[in-house]
Amino acid sequence: MILADTSIWIDYLRGGKPQMQALLNGGRIAMHPYVIAEIALGSLQHRQRTFALMESLWRVSVASLNEVRGMIEAHKLYSQGIGLTDAHLIASCLITPGVTLWTRDINLQRVAAALRVQANPA
């Protein structure tokens, strides 16, 4: 399963990322509630339909804040240029077997690759 971060969803919703549609059709995209919340903060033409799609996707496990803080310390993720939502997505990939992270954020890609959870859905 692939957890697409907000940057990938934004590209997809703007009409880009054709491989995203194929992955969605194949049931290979997972969802995290923080991604839905971030998308909710933006302007969408078809809000109800978009959120219905997102809510219907298989969900990754969501780490507690204490688990995320522990992961940050254990993997020395401080000063790596990632934010709290990014850290939550990484944690979800680490605690949900078989899930990798797809992002276009360079810092997040680097961290995901180092932790062996970077997706390459090309």
PDB file of N, CA and C in Angstrom:
ATOM      1  N   MET A   1       0.841  -1.181   0.000  1.00  0.00           N
ATOM      2  CA  MET A   1       0.000   0.000   0.000  1.00  0.00           C
ATOM      3  C   MET A   1       0.887   1.246   0.000  1.00  0.00           C
ATOM      4  N   ILE A   2       0.355   2.287  -0.585  1.00  0.00           N
ATOM      5  CA  ILE A   2       1.087   3.548  -0.691  1.00  0.00           C
ATOM      6  C   ILE A   2       0.283   4.646   0.000  1.00  0.00           C
ATOM      7  N   LEU A   3       0.945   5.325   0.915  1.00  0.00           N
ATOM      8  CA  LEU A   3       0.358   6.485   1.568  1.00  0.00           C
ATOM      9  C   LEU A   3       0.810   7.718   0.789  1.00  0.00           C
ATOM     10  N   ALA A   4      -0.120   8.341   0.088  1.00  0.00           N
ATOM     11  CA  ALA A   4       0.179   9.558  -0.672  1.00  0.00           C
ATOM     12  C   ALA A   4       0.026  10.748   0.260  1.00  0.00           C
ATOM     13  N   ASP A   5       1.056  11.591   0.311  1.00  0.00           N
ATOM     14  CA  ASP A   5       0.955  12.752   1.190  1.00  0.00           C
ATOM     15  C   ASP A   5       0.164  13.866   0.518  1.00  0.00           C
ATOM     16  N   THR A   6       0.002  14.962   1.221  1.00  0.00           N
ATOM     17  CA  THR A   6      -0.819  16.075   0.735  1.00  0.00           C
ATOM     18  C   THR A   6      -0.316  16.620  -0.593  1.00  0.00           C
ATOM     19  N   SER A   7       1.001  16.694  -0.782  1.00  0.00           N
ATOM     20  CA  SER A   7       1.536  17.230  -2.034  1.00  0.00           C
ATOM     21  C   SER A   7       1.108  16.394  -3.234  1.00  0.00           C
ATOM     22  N   ILE A   8       1.068  15.100  -3.082  1.00  0.00           N
ATOM     23  CA  ILE A   8       0.644  14.208  -4.170  1.00  0.00           C
ATOM     24  C   ILE A   8      -0.850  14.385  -4.431  1.00  0.00           C
ATOM     25  N   TRP A   9      -1.635  14.460  -3.366  1.00  0.00           N
ATOM     26  CA  TRP A   9      -3.081  14.661  -3.527  1.00  0.00           C
ATOM     27  C   TRP A   9      -3.383  15.985  -4.210  1.00  0.00           C
ATOM     28  N   ILE A  10      -2.671  17.034  -3.834  1.00  0.00           N
ATOM     29  CA  ILE A  10      -2.907  18.337  -4.472  1.00  0.00           C
ATOM     30  C   ILE A  10      -2.607  18.254  -5.961  1.00  0.00           C
ATOM     31  N   ASP A  11      -1.489  17.642  -6.312  1.00  0.00           N
ATOM     32  CA  ASP A  11      -1.166  17.463  -7.743  1.00  0.00           C
ATOM     33  C   ASP A  11      -2.271  16.691  -8.452  1.00  0.00           C
ATOM     34  N   TYR A  12      -2.729  15.615  -7.825  1.00  0.00           N
ATOM     35  CA  TYR A  12      -3.781  14.779  -8.415  1.00  0.00           C
ATOM     36  C   TYR A  12      -5.081  15.567  -8.580  1.00  0.00           C
ATOM     37  N   LEU A  13      -5.469  16.293  -7.555  1.00  0.00           N
ATOM     38  CA  LEU A  13      -6.728  17.047  -7.605  1.00  0.00           C
ATOM     39  C   LEU A  13      -6.676  18.198  -8.610  1.00  0.00           C
ATOM     40  N   ARG A  14      -5.489  18.635  -8.941  1.00  0.00           N
ATOM     41  CA  ARG A  14      -5.316  19.683  -9.954  1.00  0.00           C
ATOM     42  C   ARG A  14      -5.213  19.106 -11.365  1.00  0.00           C
ATOM     43  N   GLY A  15      -5.370  17.790 -11.477  1.00  0.00           N
ATOM     44  CA  GLY A  15      -5.353  17.148 -12.783  1.00  0.00           C
ATOM     45  C   GLY A  15      -4.036  16.511 -13.170  1.00  0.00           C
ATOM     46  N   GLY A  16      -3.091  16.486 -12.256  1.00  0.00           N
ATOM     47  CA  GLY A  16      -1.803  15.847 -12.519  1.00  0.00           C
ATOM     48  C   GLY A  16      -1.744  14.459 -11.929  1.00  0.00           C
ATOM     49  N   LYS A  17      -0.573  13.881 -11.948  1.00  0.00           N
ATOM     50  CA  LYS A  17      -0.323  12.559 -11.364  1.00  0.00           C
ATOM     51  C   LYS A  17      -1.246  11.473 -11.918  1.00  0.00           C
ATOM     52  N   PRO A  18      -1.165  11.181 -13.228  1.00  0.00           N
ATOM     53  CA  PRO A  18      -2.031  10.137 -13.789  1.00  0.00           C
ATOM     54  C   PRO A  18      -1.815   8.760 -13.151  1.00  0.00           C
ATOM     55  N   GLN A  19      -0.602   8.490 -12.658  1.00  0.00           N
ATOM     56  CA  GLN A  19      -0.378   7.193 -12.005  1.00  0.00           C
ATOM     57  C   GLN A  19      -1.184   7.075 -10.714  1.00  0.00           C
ATOM     58  N   MET A  20      -1.563   8.214 -10.127  1.00  0.00           N
ATOM     59  CA  MET A  20      -2.395   8.194  -8.918  1.00  0.00           C
ATOM     60  C   MET A  20      -3.747   7.558  -9.221  1.00  0.00           C
ATOM     61  N   GLN A  21      -4.341   7.897 -10.339  1.00  0.00           N
ATOM     62  CA  GLN A  21      -5.640   7.319 -10.696  1.00  0.00           C
ATOM     63  C   GLN A  21      -5.536   5.808 -10.847  1.00  0.00           C
ATOM     64  N   ALA A  22      -4.467   5.353 -11.472  1.00  0.00           N
ATOM     65  CA  ALA A  22      -4.268   3.909 -11.631  1.00  0.00           C
ATOM     66  C   ALA A  22      -4.113   3.226 -10.266  1.00  0.00           C
ATOM     67  N   LEU A  23      -3.384   3.857  -9.371  1.00  0.00           N
ATOM     68  CA  LEU A  23      -3.201   3.289  -8.031  1.00  0.00           C
ATOM     69  C   LEU A  23      -4.497   3.301  -7.235  1.00  0.00           C
ATOM     70  N   LEU A  24      -5.277   4.372  -7.375  1.00  0.00           N
ATOM     71  CA  LEU A  24      -6.588   4.419  -6.719  1.00  0.00           C
ATOM     72  C   LEU A  24      -7.498   3.322  -7.261  1.00  0.00           C
ATOM     73  N   ASN A  25      -7.534   3.177  -8.595  1.00  0.00           N
ATOM     74  CA  ASN A  25      -8.362   2.143  -9.216  1.00  0.00           C
ATOM     75  C   ASN A  25      -7.948   0.746  -8.772  1.00  0.00           C
ATOM     76  N   GLY A  26      -6.648   0.574  -8.530  1.00  0.00           N
ATOM     77  CA  GLY A  26      -6.131  -0.716  -8.107  1.00  0.00           C
ATOM     78  C   GLY A  26      -6.212  -0.948  -6.607  1.00  0.00           C
ATOM     79  N   GLY A  27      -6.762   0.006  -5.874  1.00  0.00           N
ATOM     80  CA  GLY A  27      -6.894  -0.148  -4.429  1.00  0.00           C
ATOM     81  C   GLY A  27      -5.568  -0.120  -3.696  1.00  0.00           C
ATOM     82  N   ARG A  28      -4.589   0.603  -4.240  1.00  0.00           N
ATOM     83  CA  ARG A  28      -3.249   0.606  -3.652  1.00  0.00           C
ATOM     84  C   ARG A  28      -2.917   1.870  -2.870  1.00  0.00           C
ATOM     85  N   ILE A  29      -3.860   2.807  -2.778  1.00  0.00           N
ATOM     86  CA  ILE A  29      -3.613   4.045  -2.044  1.00  0.00           C
ATOM     87  C   ILE A  29      -4.256   3.962  -0.657  1.00  0.00           C
ATOM     88  N   ALA A  30      -3.451   4.249   0.350  1.00  0.00           N
ATOM     89  CA  ALA A  30      -3.913   4.285   1.738  1.00  0.00           C
ATOM     90  C   ALA A  30      -4.116   5.740   2.151  1.00  0.00           C
ATOM     91  N   MET A  31      -4.817   5.945   3.244  1.00  0.00           N
ATOM     92  CA  MET A  31      -5.127   7.299   3.687  1.00  0.00           C
ATOM     93  C   MET A  31      -4.736   7.483   5.150  1.00  0.00           C
ATOM     94  N   HIS A  32      -4.383   8.705   5.465  1.00  0.00           N
ATOM     95  CA  HIS A  32      -4.093   9.136   6.843  1.00  0.00           C
ATOM     96  C   HIS A  32      -5.025  10.315   7.136  1.00  0.00           C
ATOM     97  N   PRO A  33      -5.633  10.372   8.312  1.00  0.00           N
ATOM     98  CA  PRO A  33      -6.586  11.458   8.600  1.00  0.00           C
ATOM     99  C   PRO A  33      -5.964  12.851   8.538  1.00  0.00           C
ATOM    100  N   TYR A  34      -4.676  12.988   8.781  1.00  0.00           N
ATOM    101  CA  TYR A  34      -4.039  14.306   8.706  1.00  0.00           C
ATOM    102  C   TYR A  34      -3.979  14.806   7.263  1.00  0.00           C
ATOM    103  N   VAL A  35      -3.859  13.906   6.311  1.00  0.00           N
ATOM    104  CA  VAL A  35      -3.864  14.312   4.899  1.00  0.00           C
ATOM    105  C   VAL A  35      -5.252  14.857   4.544  1.00  0.00           C
ATOM    106  N   ILE A  36      -6.294  14.166   4.986  1.00  0.00           N
ATOM    107  CA  ILE A  36      -7.658  14.647   4.731  1.00  0.00           C
ATOM    108  C   ILE A  36      -7.847  16.036   5.356  1.00  0.00           C
ATOM    109  N   ALA A  37      -7.377  16.213   6.568  1.00  0.00           N
ATOM    110  CA  ALA A  37      -7.519  17.506   7.243  1.00  0.00           C
ATOM    111  C   ALA A  37      -6.763  18.608   6.506  1.00  0.00           C
ATOM    112  N   GLU A  38      -5.573  18.308   6.015  1.00  0.00           N
ATOM    113  CA  GLU A  38      -4.823  19.318   5.271  1.00  0.00           C
ATOM    114  C   GLU A  38      -5.528  19.683   3.969  1.00  0.00           C
ATOM    115  N   ILE A  39      -6.072  18.693   3.278  1.00  0.00           N
ATOM    116  CA  ILE A  39      -6.813  18.958   2.039  1.00  0.00           C
ATOM    117  C   ILE A  39      -8.064  19.784   2.358  1.00  0.00           C
ATOM    118  N   ALA A  40      -8.684  19.520   3.490  1.00  0.00           N
ATOM    119  CA  ALA A  40      -9.893  20.258   3.877  1.00  0.00           C
ATOM    120  C   ALA A  40      -9.630  21.752   4.046  1.00  0.00           C
ATOM    121  N   LEU A  41      -8.401  22.106   4.337  1.00  0.00           N
ATOM    122  CA  LEU A  41      -8.050  23.517   4.511  1.00  0.00           C
ATOM    123  C   LEU A  41      -7.941  24.268   3.189  1.00  0.00           C
ATOM    124  N   GLY A  42      -7.908  23.530   2.088  1.00  0.00           N
ATOM    125  CA  GLY A  42      -7.775  24.162   0.780  1.00  0.00           C
ATOM    126  C   GLY A  42      -9.109  24.380   0.095  1.00  0.00           C
ATOM    127  N   SER A  43      -9.026  24.973  -1.068  1.00  0.00           N
ATOM    128  CA  SER A  43     -10.212  25.242  -1.879  1.00  0.00           C
ATOM    129  C   SER A  43     -10.429  24.089  -2.852  1.00  0.00           C
ATOM    130  N   LEU A  44     -11.587  23.466  -2.771  1.00  0.00           N
ATOM    131  CA  LEU A  44     -11.912  22.336  -3.643  1.00  0.00           C
ATOM    132  C   LEU A  44     -13.212  22.609  -4.388  1.00  0.00           C
ATOM    133  N   GLN A  45     -13.252  22.206  -5.651  1.00  0.00           N
ATOM    134  CA  GLN A  45     -14.482  22.366  -6.420  1.00  0.00           C
ATOM    135  C   GLN A  45     -15.541  21.338  -6.007  1.00  0.00           C
ATOM    136  N   HIS A  46     -15.127  20.130  -5.777  1.00  0.00           N
ATOM    137  CA  HIS A  46     -16.055  19.031  -5.484  1.00  0.00           C
ATOM    138  C   HIS A  46     -15.757  18.467  -4.096  1.00  0.00           C
ATOM    139  N   ARG A  47     -15.966  19.273  -3.076  1.00  0.00           N
ATOM    140  CA  ARG A  47     -15.579  18.901  -1.719  1.00  0.00           C
ATOM    141  C   ARG A  47     -16.217  17.601  -1.247  1.00  0.00           C
ATOM    142  N   GLN A  48     -17.529  17.496  -1.380  1.00  0.00           N
ATOM    143  CA  GLN A  48     -18.239  16.311  -0.875  1.00  0.00           C
ATOM    144  C   GLN A  48     -17.744  15.038  -1.544  1.00  0.00           C
ATOM    145  N   ARG A  49     -17.634  15.081  -2.858  1.00  0.00           N
ATOM    146  CA  ARG A  49     -17.184  13.899  -3.608  1.00  0.00           C
ATOM    147  C   ARG A  49     -15.728  13.552  -3.262  1.00  0.00           C
ATOM    148  N   THR A  50     -14.898  14.574  -3.157  1.00  0.00           N
ATOM    149  CA  THR A  50     -13.486  14.350  -2.835  1.00  0.00           C
ATOM    150  C   THR A  50     -13.336  13.719  -1.456  1.00  0.00           C
ATOM    151  N   PHE A  51     -14.028  14.270  -0.476  1.00  0.00           N
ATOM    152  CA  PHE A  51     -13.912  13.729   0.878  1.00  0.00           C
ATOM    153  C   PHE A  51     -14.548  12.343   0.992  1.00  0.00           C
ATOM    154  N   ALA A  52     -15.602  12.098   0.239  1.00  0.00           N
ATOM    155  CA  ALA A  52     -16.204  10.753   0.230  1.00  0.00           C
ATOM    156  C   ALA A  52     -15.187   9.736  -0.296  1.00  0.00           C
ATOM    157  N   LEU A  53     -14.471  10.094  -1.351  1.00  0.00           N
ATOM    158  CA  LEU A  53     -13.434   9.207  -1.897  1.00  0.00           C
ATOM    159  C   LEU A  53     -12.347   8.982  -0.855  1.00  0.00           C
ATOM    160  N   MET A  54     -11.858  10.059  -0.291  1.00  0.00           N
ATOM    161  CA  MET A  54     -10.761   9.939   0.673  1.00  0.00           C
ATOM    162  C   MET A  54     -11.175   9.124   1.895  1.00  0.00           C
ATOM    163  N   GLU A  55     -12.376   9.351   2.384  1.00  0.00           N
ATOM    164  CA  GLU A  55     -12.858   8.622   3.561  1.00  0.00           C
ATOM    165  C   GLU A  55     -13.074   7.138   3.274  1.00  0.00           C
ATOM    166  N   SER A  56     -13.285   6.781   2.008  1.00  0.00           N
ATOM    167  CA  SER A  56     -13.531   5.384   1.661  1.00  0.00           C
ATOM    168  C   SER A  56     -12.253   4.557   1.540  1.00  0.00           C
ATOM    169  N   LEU A  57     -11.110   5.224   1.524  1.00  0.00           N
ATOM    170  CA  LEU A  57      -9.840   4.515   1.359  1.00  0.00           C
ATOM    171  C   LEU A  57      -9.419   3.815   2.643  1.00  0.00           C
ATOM    172  N   TRP A  58      -8.652   2.758   2.468  1.00  0.00           N
ATOM    173  CA  TRP A  58      -8.095   2.022   3.600  1.00  0.00           C
ATOM    174  C   TRP A  58      -7.191   2.960   4.394  1.00  0.00           C
ATOM    175  N   ARG A  59      -7.289   2.905   5.714  1.00  0.00           N
ATOM    176  CA  ARG A  59      -6.528   3.814   6.578  1.00  0.00           C
ATOM    177  C   ARG A  59      -5.327   3.137   7.218  1.00  0.00           C
ATOM    178  N   VAL A  60      -4.253   3.880   7.285  1.00  0.00           N
ATOM    179  CA  VAL A  60      -3.064   3.417   7.997  1.00  0.00           C
ATOM    180  C   VAL A  60      -3.296   3.550   9.491  1.00  0.00           C
ATOM    181  N   SER A  61      -2.473   2.892  10.270  1.00  0.00           N
ATOM    182  CA  SER A  61      -2.498   3.083  11.721  1.00  0.00           C
ATOM    183  C   SER A  61      -1.958   4.476  12.018  1.00  0.00           C
ATOM    184  N   VAL A  62      -2.540   5.132  13.007  1.00  0.00           N
ATOM    185  CA  VAL A  62      -2.112   6.482  13.369  1.00  0.00           C
ATOM    186  C   VAL A  62      -1.380   6.414  14.706  1.00  0.00           C
ATOM    187  N   ALA A  63      -0.160   6.894  14.696  1.00  0.00           N
ATOM    188  CA  ALA A  63       0.662   6.882  15.904  1.00  0.00           C
ATOM    189  C   ALA A  63       0.192   7.963  16.874  1.00  0.00           C
ATOM    190  N   SER A  64       0.373   7.693  18.144  1.00  0.00           N
ATOM    191  CA  SER A  64       0.096   8.723  19.152  1.00  0.00           C
ATOM    192  C   SER A  64       1.211   9.765  19.105  1.00  0.00           C
ATOM    193  N   LEU A  65       0.958  10.898  19.693  1.00  0.00           N
ATOM    194  CA  LEU A  65       1.973  11.942  19.734  1.00  0.00           C
ATOM    195  C   LEU A  65       3.222  11.458  20.472  1.00  0.00           C
ATOM    196  N   ASN A  66       3.041  10.704  21.541  1.00  0.00           N
ATOM    197  CA  ASN A  66       4.200  10.154  22.263  1.00  0.00           C
ATOM    198  C   ASN A  66       4.999   9.199  21.387  1.00  0.00           C
ATOM    199  N   GLU A  67       4.311   8.391  20.582  1.00  0.00           N
ATOM    200  CA  GLU A  67       5.015   7.485  19.670  1.00  0.00           C
ATOM    201  C   GLU A  67       5.790   8.270  18.618  1.00  0.00           C
ATOM    202  N   VAL A  68       5.193   9.336  18.114  1.00  0.00           N
ATOM    203  CA  VAL A  68       5.880  10.163  17.116  1.00  0.00           C
ATOM    204  C   VAL A  68       7.113  10.808  17.738  1.00  0.00           C
ATOM    205  N   ARG A  69       6.965  11.350  18.943  1.00  0.00           N
ATOM    206  CA  ARG A  69       8.126  11.963  19.606  1.00  0.00           C
ATOM    207  C   ARG A  69       9.219  10.939  19.854  1.00  0.00           C
ATOM    208  N   GLY A  70       8.841   9.740  20.241  1.00  0.00           N
ATOM    209  CA  GLY A  70       9.828   8.681  20.436  1.00  0.00           C
ATOM    210  C   GLY A  70      10.539   8.327  19.144  1.00  0.00           C
ATOM    211  N   MET A  71       9.783   8.274  18.041  1.00  0.00           N
ATOM    212  CA  MET A  71      10.369   7.975  16.736  1.00  0.00           C
ATOM    213  C   MET A  71      11.351   9.077  16.329  1.00  0.00           C
ATOM    214  N   ILE A  72      10.970  10.337  16.569  1.00  0.00           N
ATOM    215  CA  ILE A  72      11.846  11.460  16.234  1.00  0.00           C
ATOM    216  C   ILE A  72      13.193  11.307  16.948  1.00  0.00           C
ATOM    217  N   GLU A  73      13.148  10.981  18.222  1.00  0.00           N
ATOM    218  CA  GLU A  73      14.391  10.817  18.981  1.00  0.00           C
ATOM    219  C   GLU A  73      15.159   9.568  18.545  1.00  0.00           C
ATOM    220  N   ALA A  74      14.453   8.455  18.402  1.00  0.00           N
ATOM    221  CA  ALA A  74      15.116   7.192  18.058  1.00  0.00           C
ATOM    222  C   ALA A  74      15.822   7.244  16.706  1.00  0.00           C
ATOM    223  N   HIS A  75      15.213   7.960  15.755  1.00  0.00           N
ATOM    224  CA  HIS A  75      15.786   8.023  14.402  1.00  0.00           C
ATOM    225  C   HIS A  75      16.474   9.355  14.119  1.00  0.00           C
ATOM    226  N   LYS A  76      16.610  10.190  15.160  1.00  0.00           N
ATOM    227  CA  LYS A  76      17.272  11.495  15.022  1.00  0.00           C
ATOM    228  C   LYS A  76      16.686  12.307  13.865  1.00  0.00           C
ATOM    229  N   LEU A  77      15.362  12.453  13.884  1.00  0.00           N
ATOM    230  CA  LEU A  77      14.678  13.155  12.797  1.00  0.00           C
ATOM    231  C   LEU A  77      14.575  14.660  13.022  1.00  0.00           C
ATOM    232  N   TYR A  78      15.124  15.151  14.111  1.00  0.00           N
ATOM    233  CA  TYR A  78      15.116  16.583  14.356  1.00  0.00           C
ATOM    234  C   TYR A  78      16.092  17.275  13.404  1.00  0.00           C
ATOM    235  N   SER A  79      15.802  18.512  13.082  1.00  0.00           N
ATOM    236  CA  SER A  79      16.630  19.330  12.178  1.00  0.00           C
ATOM    237  C   SER A  79      16.777  18.703  10.795  1.00  0.00           C
ATOM    238  N   GLN A  80      15.751  17.973  10.359  1.00  0.00           N
ATOM    239  CA  GLN A  80      15.784  17.334   9.045  1.00  0.00           C
ATOM    240  C   GLN A  80      14.895  18.046   8.037  1.00  0.00           C
ATOM    241  N   GLY A  81      14.232  19.116   8.473  1.00  0.00           N
ATOM    242  CA  GLY A  81      13.392  19.883   7.556  1.00  0.00           C
ATOM    243  C   GLY A  81      12.006  19.301   7.340  1.00  0.00           C
ATOM    244  N   ILE A  82      11.564  18.435   8.258  1.00  0.00           N
ATOM    245  CA  ILE A  82      10.208  17.907   8.150  1.00  0.00           C
ATOM    246  C   ILE A  82       9.372  18.456   9.293  1.00  0.00           C
ATOM    247  N   GLY A  83       8.059  18.485   9.095  1.00  0.00           N
ATOM    248  CA  GLY A  83       7.154  18.999  10.111  1.00  0.00           C
ATOM    249  C   GLY A  83       6.442  17.881  10.850  1.00  0.00           C
ATOM    250  N   LEU A  84       5.547  18.285  11.738  1.00  0.00           N
ATOM    251  CA  LEU A  84       4.831  17.316  12.564  1.00  0.00           C
ATOM    252  C   LEU A  84       3.954  16.383  11.738  1.00  0.00           C
ATOM    253  N   THR A  85       3.234  16.921  10.763  1.00  0.00           N
ATOM    254  CA  THR A  85       2.414  16.047   9.922  1.00  0.00           C
ATOM    255  C   THR A  85       3.301  15.059   9.173  1.00  0.00           C
ATOM    256  N   ASP A  86       4.428  15.534   8.652  1.00  0.00           N
ATOM    257  CA  ASP A  86       5.368  14.641   7.967  1.00  0.00           C
ATOM    258  C   ASP A  86       5.824  13.517   8.895  1.00  0.00           C
ATOM    259  N   ALA A  87       6.160  13.871  10.126  1.00  0.00           N
ATOM    260  CA  ALA A  87       6.600  12.874  11.096  1.00  0.00           C
ATOM    261  C   ALA A  87       5.493  11.867  11.390  1.00  0.00           C
ATOM    262  N   HIS A  88       4.257  12.337  11.460  1.00  0.00           N
ATOM    263  CA  HIS A  88       3.132  11.422  11.665  1.00  0.00           C
ATOM    264  C   HIS A  88       2.998  10.450  10.486  1.00  0.00           C
ATOM    265  N   LEU A  89       3.161  10.948   9.272  1.00  0.00           N
ATOM    266  CA  LEU A  89       3.052  10.069   8.109  1.00  0.00           C
ATOM    267  C   LEU A  89       4.162   9.018   8.115  1.00  0.00           C
ATOM    268  N   ILE A  90       5.372   9.436   8.437  1.00  0.00           N
ATOM    269  CA  ILE A  90       6.487   8.484   8.543  1.00  0.00           C
ATOM    270  C   ILE A  90       6.186   7.443   9.617  1.00  0.00           C
ATOM    271  N   ALA A  91       5.725   7.899  10.774  1.00  0.00           N
ATOM    272  CA  ALA A  91       5.409   6.966  11.861  1.00  0.00           C
ATOM    273  C   ALA A  91       4.353   5.964  11.428  1.00  0.00           C
ATOM    274  N   SER A  92       3.342   6.423  10.718  1.00  0.00           N
ATOM    275  CA  SER A  92       2.298   5.514  10.245  1.00  0.00           C
ATOM    276  C   SER A  92       2.866   4.458   9.312  1.00  0.00           C
ATOM    277  N   CYS A  93       3.798   4.858   8.460  1.00  0.00           N
ATOM    278  CA  CYS A  93       4.428   3.876   7.567  1.00  0.00           C
ATOM    279  C   CYS A  93       5.241   2.860   8.359  1.00  0.00           C
ATOM    280  N   LEU A  94       5.882   3.315   9.413  1.00  0.00           N
ATOM    281  CA  LEU A  94       6.698   2.402  10.223  1.00  0.00           C
ATOM    282  C   LEU A  94       5.860   1.442  11.052  1.00  0.00           C
ATOM    283  N   ILE A  95       4.663   1.862  11.478  1.00  0.00           N
ATOM    284  CA  ILE A  95       3.859   0.979  12.339  1.00  0.00           C
ATOM    285  C   ILE A  95       2.771   0.225  11.574  1.00  0.00           C
ATOM    286  N   THR A  96       2.618   0.519  10.279  1.00  0.00           N
ATOM    287  CA  THR A  96       1.631  -0.188   9.469  1.00  0.00           C
ATOM    288  C   THR A  96       2.382  -1.034   8.450  1.00  0.00           C
ATOM    289  N   PRO A  97       2.442  -2.338   8.649  1.00  0.00           N
ATOM    290  CA  PRO A  97       3.222  -3.195   7.754  1.00  0.00           C
ATOM    291  C   PRO A  97       2.827  -3.041   6.283  1.00  0.00           C
ATOM    292  N   GLY A  98       3.839  -2.965   5.436  1.00  0.00           N
ATOM    293  CA  GLY A  98       3.623  -2.941   3.995  1.00  0.00           C
ATOM    294  C   GLY A  98       3.254  -1.593   3.408  1.00  0.00           C
ATOM    295  N   VAL A  99       3.330  -0.523   4.190  1.00  0.00           N
ATOM    296  CA  VAL A  99       2.956   0.806   3.698  1.00  0.00           C
ATOM    297  C   VAL A  99       4.208   1.636   3.454  1.00  0.00           C
ATOM    298  N   THR A 100       4.236   2.292   2.285  1.00  0.00           N
ATOM    299  CA  THR A 100       5.324   3.202   1.952  1.00  0.00           C
ATOM    300  C   THR A 100       4.742   4.583   1.677  1.00  0.00           C
ATOM    301  N   LEU A 101       5.601   5.599   1.713  1.00  0.00           N
ATOM    302  CA  LEU A 101       5.168   6.984   1.595  1.00  0.00           C
ATOM    303  C   LEU A 101       5.566   7.576   0.250  1.00  0.00           C
ATOM    304  N   TRP A 102       4.598   8.208  -0.411  1.00  0.00           N
ATOM    305  CA  TRP A 102       4.806   8.876  -1.689  1.00  0.00           C
ATOM    306  C   TRP A 102       4.671  10.376  -1.459  1.00  0.00           C
ATOM    307  N   THR A 103       5.713  11.112  -1.760  1.00  0.00           N
ATOM    308  CA  THR A 103       5.725  12.558  -1.570  1.00  0.00           C
ATOM    309  C   THR A 103       6.599  13.203  -2.627  1.00  0.00           C
ATOM    310  N   ARG A 104       6.366  14.483  -2.866  1.00  0.00           N
ATOM    311  CA  ARG A 104       7.299  15.223  -3.722  1.00  0.00           C
ATOM    312  C   ARG A 104       8.139  16.186  -2.905  1.00  0.00           C
ATOM    313  N   ASP A 105       7.936  16.208  -1.578  1.00  0.00           N
ATOM    314  CA  ASP A 105       8.728  17.023  -0.675  1.00  0.00           C
ATOM    315  C   ASP A 105      10.126  16.407  -0.538  1.00  0.00           C
ATOM    316  N   ILE A 106      11.135  17.167  -0.904  1.00  0.00           N
ATOM    317  CA  ILE A 106      12.510  16.650  -0.952  1.00  0.00           C
ATOM    318  C   ILE A 106      12.990  16.180   0.420  1.00  0.00           C
ATOM    319  N   ASN A 107      12.756  16.969   1.457  1.00  0.00           N
ATOM    320  CA  ASN A 107      13.210  16.573   2.797  1.00  0.00           C
ATOM    321  C   ASN A 107      12.495  15.321   3.280  1.00  0.00           C
ATOM    322  N   LEU A 108      11.208  15.261   3.031  1.00  0.00           N
ATOM    323  CA  LEU A 108      10.442  14.085   3.439  1.00  0.00           C
ATOM    324  C   LEU A 108      10.861  12.853   2.637  1.00  0.00           C
ATOM    325  N   GLN A 109      11.150  13.032   1.357  1.00  0.00           N
ATOM    326  CA  GLN A 109      11.656  11.915   0.541  1.00  0.00           C
ATOM    327  C   GLN A 109      12.952  11.361   1.132  1.00  0.00           C
ATOM    328  N   ARG A 110      13.839  12.263   1.505  1.00  0.00           N
ATOM    329  CA  ARG A 110      15.136  11.856   2.046  1.00  0.00           C
ATOM    330  C   ARG A 110      14.967  11.064   3.335  1.00  0.00           C
ATOM    331  N   VAL A 111      14.098  11.548   4.224  1.00  0.00           N
ATOM    332  CA  VAL A 111      13.856  10.852   5.492  1.00  0.00           C
ATOM    333  C   VAL A 111      13.187   9.504   5.237  1.00  0.00           C
ATOM    334  N   ALA A 112      12.191   9.485   4.356  1.00  0.00           N
ATOM    335  CA  ALA A 112      11.505   8.217   4.042  1.00  0.00           C
ATOM    336  C   ALA A 112      12.468   7.209   3.437  1.00  0.00           C
ATOM    337  N   ALA A 113      13.350   7.669   2.580  1.00  0.00           N
ATOM    338  CA  ALA A 113      14.341   6.756   1.981  1.00  0.00           C
ATOM    339  C   ALA A 113      15.283   6.213   3.042  1.00  0.00           C
ATOM    340  N   ALA A 114      15.744   7.068   3.935  1.00  0.00           N
ATOM    341  CA  ALA A 114      16.654   6.631   4.995  1.00  0.00           C
ATOM    342  C   ALA A 114      16.012   5.586   5.907  1.00  0.00           C
ATOM    343  N   LEU A 115      14.686   5.716   6.104  1.00  0.00           N
ATOM    344  CA  LEU A 115      13.970   4.765   6.964  1.00  0.00           C
ATOM    345  C   LEU A 115      13.347   3.614   6.179  1.00  0.00           C
ATOM    346  N   ARG A 116      13.644   3.582   4.884  1.00  0.00           N
ATOM    347  CA  ARG A 116      13.186   2.514   3.985  1.00  0.00           C
ATOM    348  C   ARG A 116      11.680   2.425   3.874  1.00  0.00           C
ATOM    349  N   VAL A 117      11.010   3.585   3.833  1.00  0.00           N
ATOM    350  CA  VAL A 117       9.567   3.614   3.637  1.00  0.00           C
ATOM    351  C   VAL A 117       9.180   4.526   2.464  1.00  0.00           C
ATOM    352  N   GLN A 118      10.135   4.835   1.604  1.00  0.00           N
ATOM    353  CA  GLN A 118       9.848   5.694   0.461  1.00  0.00           C
ATOM    354  C   GLN A 118       9.229   4.881  -0.659  1.00  0.00           C
ATOM    355  N   ALA A 119       8.097   5.362  -1.186  1.00  0.00           N
ATOM    356  CA  ALA A 119       7.435   4.718  -2.318  1.00  0.00           C
ATOM    357  C   ALA A 119       8.025   5.234  -3.611  1.00  0.00           C
ATOM    358  N   ASN A 120       8.064   4.392  -4.611  1.00  0.00           N
ATOM    359  CA  ASN A 120       8.489   4.765  -5.959  1.00  0.00           C
ATOM    360  C   ASN A 120       7.442   4.252  -6.944  1.00  0.00           C
ATOM    361  N   PRO A 121       6.292   4.940  -7.026  1.00  0.00           N
ATOM    362  CA  PRO A 121       5.182   4.424  -7.818  1.00  0.00           C
ATOM    363  C   PRO A 121       5.259   4.711  -9.327  1.00  0.00           C
ATOM    364  N   ALA A 122       6.415   5.047  -9.830  1.00  0.00           N
ATOM    365  CA  ALA A 122       6.560   5.371 -11.256  1.00  0.00           C
ATOM    366  C   ALA A 122       6.022   4.298 -12.117  1.00  0.00           C
TER     367      ALA A 122
END
